[in-house]
Amino acid sequence: MDRQREMGLAQLIVMIDLFRDELYEQLLKKEGIRALEILREVQNDYF
């Protein structure tokens, strides 16, 4: 893999991580303390 592609992938990972944080904040605002419980329940359904 060339350096430019590696940097592009790294940038995408950072962008996805920031987006995930934004979505989690929205879930926290809507569901409060239950947000983590809901997230774990959904994660467990995928694995």
PDB file of N, CA and C in Angstrom:
ATOM      1  N   MET A   1       0.855  -1.175   0.000  1.00  0.00           N
ATOM      2  CA  MET A   1       0.000   0.000   0.000  1.00  0.00           C
ATOM      3  C   MET A   1       0.901   1.239   0.000  1.00  0.00           C
ATOM      4  N   ASP A   2       0.576   2.196  -0.828  1.00  0.00           N
ATOM      5  CA  ASP A   2       1.420   3.384  -0.875  1.00  0.00           C
ATOM      6  C   ASP A   2       1.058   4.363   0.236  1.00  0.00           C
ATOM      7  N   ARG A   3       1.963   5.264   0.485  1.00  0.00           N
ATOM      8  CA  ARG A   3       1.833   6.211   1.599  1.00  0.00           C
ATOM      9  C   ARG A   3       0.564   7.079   1.482  1.00  0.00           C
ATOM     10  N   GLN A   4       0.269   7.539   0.284  1.00  0.00           N
ATOM     11  CA  GLN A   4      -0.906   8.396   0.086  1.00  0.00           C
ATOM     12  C   GLN A   4      -2.190   7.639   0.432  1.00  0.00           C
ATOM     13  N   ARG A   5      -2.273   6.392   0.030  1.00  0.00           N
ATOM     14  CA  ARG A   5      -3.458   5.574   0.342  1.00  0.00           C
ATOM     15  C   ARG A   5      -3.556   5.337   1.849  1.00  0.00           C
ATOM     16  N   GLU A   6      -2.428   5.061   2.487  1.00  0.00           N
ATOM     17  CA  GLU A   6      -2.421   4.855   3.939  1.00  0.00           C
ATOM     18  C   GLU A   6      -2.909   6.098   4.675  1.00  0.00           C
ATOM     19  N   MET A   7      -2.445   7.263   4.238  1.00  0.00           N
ATOM     20  CA  MET A   7      -2.874   8.513   4.871  1.00  0.00           C
ATOM     21  C   MET A   7      -4.366   8.748   4.645  1.00  0.00           C
ATOM     22  N   GLY A   8      -4.851   8.423   3.453  1.00  0.00           N
ATOM     23  CA  GLY A   8      -6.270   8.559   3.170  1.00  0.00           C
ATOM     24  C   GLY A   8      -7.114   7.666   4.057  1.00  0.00           C
ATOM     25  N   LEU A   9      -6.656   6.433   4.237  1.00  0.00           N
ATOM     26  CA  LEU A   9      -7.387   5.508   5.121  1.00  0.00           C
ATOM     27  C   LEU A   9      -7.373   5.998   6.558  1.00  0.00           C
ATOM     28  N   ALA A  10      -6.238   6.516   6.995  1.00  0.00           N
ATOM     29  CA  ALA A  10      -6.136   7.051   8.358  1.00  0.00           C
ATOM     30  C   ALA A  10      -7.091   8.229   8.538  1.00  0.00           C
ATOM     31  N   GLN A  11      -7.177   9.097   7.544  1.00  0.00           N
ATOM     32  CA  GLN A  11      -8.093  10.230   7.621  1.00  0.00           C
ATOM     33  C   GLN A  11      -9.543   9.759   7.695  1.00  0.00           C
ATOM     34  N   LEU A  12      -9.893   8.748   6.914  1.00  0.00           N
ATOM     35  CA  LEU A  12     -11.251   8.206   6.971  1.00  0.00           C
ATOM     36  C   LEU A  12     -11.574   7.641   8.342  1.00  0.00           C
ATOM     37  N   ILE A  13     -10.632   6.950   8.930  1.00  0.00           N
ATOM     38  CA  ILE A  13     -10.842   6.384  10.268  1.00  0.00           C
ATOM     39  C   ILE A  13     -11.112   7.495  11.272  1.00  0.00           C
ATOM     40  N   VAL A  14     -10.333   8.571  11.194  1.00  0.00           N
ATOM     41  CA  VAL A  14     -10.528   9.698  12.111  1.00  0.00           C
ATOM     42  C   VAL A  14     -11.901  10.329  11.886  1.00  0.00           C
ATOM     43  N   MET A  15     -12.287  10.525  10.629  1.00  0.00           N
ATOM     44  CA  MET A  15     -13.588  11.117  10.320  1.00  0.00           C
ATOM     45  C   MET A  15     -14.725  10.242  10.834  1.00  0.00           C
ATOM     46  N   ILE A  16     -14.610   8.933  10.656  1.00  0.00           N
ATOM     47  CA  ILE A  16     -15.637   8.006  11.141  1.00  0.00           C
ATOM     48  C   ILE A  16     -15.716   8.052  12.658  1.00  0.00           C
ATOM     49  N   ASP A  17     -14.568   8.131  13.318  1.00  0.00           N
ATOM     50  CA  ASP A  17     -14.531   8.186  14.772  1.00  0.00           C
ATOM     51  C   ASP A  17     -15.217   9.460  15.281  1.00  0.00           C
ATOM     52  N   LEU A  18     -14.948  10.583  14.633  1.00  0.00           N
ATOM     53  CA  LEU A  18     -15.591  11.839  15.029  1.00  0.00           C
ATOM     54  C   LEU A  18     -17.096  11.775  14.803  1.00  0.00           C
ATOM     55  N   PHE A  19     -17.503  11.192  13.687  1.00  0.00           N
ATOM     56  CA  PHE A  19     -18.926  11.039  13.387  1.00  0.00           C
ATOM     57  C   PHE A  19     -19.600  10.147  14.417  1.00  0.00           C
ATOM     58  N   ARG A  20     -18.917   9.069  14.803  1.00  0.00           N
ATOM     59  CA  ARG A  20     -19.449   8.169  15.828  1.00  0.00           C
ATOM     60  C   ARG A  20     -19.659   8.921  17.138  1.00  0.00           C
ATOM     61  N   ASP A  21     -18.693   9.767  17.505  1.00  0.00           N
ATOM     62  CA  ASP A  21     -18.828  10.559  18.727  1.00  0.00           C
ATOM     63  C   ASP A  21     -20.044  11.476  18.662  1.00  0.00           C
ATOM     64  N   GLU A  22     -20.251  12.112  17.510  1.00  0.00           N
ATOM     65  CA  GLU A  22     -21.410  12.994  17.343  1.00  0.00           C
ATOM     66  C   GLU A  22     -22.719  12.217  17.492  1.00  0.00           C
ATOM     67  N   LEU A  23     -22.769  11.045  16.867  1.00  0.00           N
ATOM     68  CA  LEU A  23     -23.978  10.223  16.960  1.00  0.00           C
ATOM     69  C   LEU A  23     -24.224   9.763  18.391  1.00  0.00           C
ATOM     70  N   TYR A  24     -23.167   9.387  19.090  1.00  0.00           N
ATOM     71  CA  TYR A  24     -23.314   8.941  20.474  1.00  0.00           C
ATOM     72  C   TYR A  24     -23.809  10.093  21.353  1.00  0.00           C
ATOM     73  N   GLU A  25     -23.315  11.305  21.102  1.00  0.00           N
ATOM     74  CA  GLU A  25     -23.794  12.464  21.861  1.00  0.00           C
ATOM     75  C   GLU A  25     -25.288  12.676  21.637  1.00  0.00           C
ATOM     76  N   GLN A  26     -25.747  12.489  20.406  1.00  0.00           N
ATOM     77  CA  GLN A  26     -27.171  12.609  20.112  1.00  0.00           C
ATOM     78  C   GLN A  26     -27.965  11.556  20.872  1.00  0.00           C
ATOM     79  N   LEU A  27     -27.462  10.327  20.895  1.00  0.00           N
ATOM     80  CA  LEU A  27     -28.128   9.250  21.626  1.00  0.00           C
ATOM     81  C   LEU A  27     -28.166   9.564  23.122  1.00  0.00           C
ATOM     82  N   LEU A  28     -27.062  10.100  23.650  1.00  0.00           N
ATOM     83  CA  LEU A  28     -27.028  10.482  25.065  1.00  0.00           C
ATOM     84  C   LEU A  28     -28.073  11.549  25.378  1.00  0.00           C
ATOM     85  N   LYS A  29     -28.195  12.536  24.510  1.00  0.00           N
ATOM     86  CA  LYS A  29     -29.177  13.602  24.734  1.00  0.00           C
ATOM     87  C   LYS A  29     -30.593  13.051  24.730  1.00  0.00           C
ATOM     88  N   LYS A  30     -30.842  12.084  23.845  1.00  0.00           N
ATOM     89  CA  LYS A  30     -32.196  11.534  23.712  1.00  0.00           C
ATOM     90  C   LYS A  30     -32.512  10.504  24.792  1.00  0.00           C
ATOM     91  N   GLU A  31     -31.551   9.630  25.098  1.00  0.00           N
ATOM     92  CA  GLU A  31     -31.823   8.506  25.995  1.00  0.00           C
ATOM     93  C   GLU A  31     -31.152   8.615  27.360  1.00  0.00           C
ATOM     94  N   GLY A  32     -30.293   9.592  27.531  1.00  0.00           N
ATOM     95  CA  GLY A  32     -29.630   9.777  28.819  1.00  0.00           C
ATOM     96  C   GLY A  32     -28.780   8.584  29.208  1.00  0.00           C
ATOM     97  N   ILE A  33     -28.902   8.200  30.458  1.00  0.00           N
ATOM     98  CA  ILE A  33     -28.064   7.137  31.011  1.00  0.00           C
ATOM     99  C   ILE A  33     -28.266   5.785  30.305  1.00  0.00           C
ATOM    100  N   ARG A  34     -29.403   5.611  29.656  1.00  0.00           N
ATOM    101  CA  ARG A  34     -29.680   4.354  28.952  1.00  0.00           C
ATOM    102  C   ARG A  34     -28.922   4.232  27.635  1.00  0.00           C
ATOM    103  N   ALA A  35     -28.280   5.302  27.176  1.00  0.00           N
ATOM    104  CA  ALA A  35     -27.606   5.312  25.875  1.00  0.00           C
ATOM    105  C   ALA A  35     -26.588   4.179  25.759  1.00  0.00           C
ATOM    106  N   LEU A  36     -25.763   4.003  26.764  1.00  0.00           N
ATOM    107  CA  LEU A  36     -24.743   2.948  26.705  1.00  0.00           C
ATOM    108  C   LEU A  36     -25.403   1.573  26.670  1.00  0.00           C
ATOM    109  N   GLU A  37     -26.432   1.377  27.448  1.00  0.00           N
ATOM    110  CA  GLU A  37     -27.161   0.110  27.451  1.00  0.00           C
ATOM    111  C   GLU A  37     -27.740  -0.197  26.068  1.00  0.00           C
ATOM    112  N   ILE A  38     -28.331   0.793  25.450  1.00  0.00           N
ATOM    113  CA  ILE A  38     -28.908   0.622  24.113  1.00  0.00           C
ATOM    114  C   ILE A  38     -27.824   0.296  23.103  1.00  0.00           C
ATOM    115  N   LEU A  39     -26.717   1.030  23.163  1.00  0.00           N
ATOM    116  CA  LEU A  39     -25.605   0.791  22.244  1.00  0.00           C
ATOM    117  C   LEU A  39     -25.071  -0.631  22.390  1.00  0.00           C
ATOM    118  N   ARG A  40     -24.887  -1.080  23.605  1.00  0.00           N
ATOM    119  CA  ARG A  40     -24.379  -2.443  23.845  1.00  0.00           C
ATOM    120  C   ARG A  40     -25.359  -3.498  23.331  1.00  0.00           C
ATOM    121  N   GLU A  41     -26.641  -3.265  23.526  1.00  0.00           N
ATOM    122  CA  GLU A  41     -27.655  -4.206  23.057  1.00  0.00           C
ATOM    123  C   GLU A  41     -27.591  -4.351  21.533  1.00  0.00           C
ATOM    124  N   VAL A  42     -27.475  -3.231  20.852  1.00  0.00           N
ATOM    125  CA  VAL A  42     -27.383  -3.262  19.384  1.00  0.00           C
ATOM    126  C   VAL A  42     -26.086  -3.925  18.943  1.00  0.00           C
ATOM    127  N   GLN A  43     -24.975  -3.607  19.616  1.00  0.00           N
ATOM    128  CA  GLN A  43     -23.687  -4.234  19.273  1.00  0.00           C
ATOM    129  C   GLN A  43     -23.758  -5.749  19.443  1.00  0.00           C
ATOM    130  N   ASN A  44     -24.380  -6.196  20.506  1.00  0.00           N
ATOM    131  CA  ASN A  44     -24.490  -7.633  20.753  1.00  0.00           C
ATOM    132  C   ASN A  44     -25.317  -8.343  19.686  1.00  0.00           C
ATOM    133  N   ASP A  45     -26.278  -7.631  19.107  1.00  0.00           N
ATOM    134  CA  ASP A  45     -27.073  -8.216  18.023  1.00  0.00           C
ATOM    135  C   ASP A  45     -26.253  -8.463  16.768  1.00  0.00           C
ATOM    136  N   TYR A  46     -25.177  -7.692  16.602  1.00  0.00           N
ATOM    137  CA  TYR A  46     -24.332  -7.830  15.415  1.00  0.00           C
ATOM    138  C   TYR A  46     -23.257  -8.900  15.566  1.00  0.00           C
ATOM    139  N   PHE A  47     -22.955  -9.279  16.797  1.00  0.00           N
ATOM    140  CA  PHE A  47     -21.863 -10.248  17.004  1.00  0.00           C
ATOM    141  C   PHE A  47     -22.345 -11.502  17.644  1.00  0.00           C
TER     142      PHE A  47
END
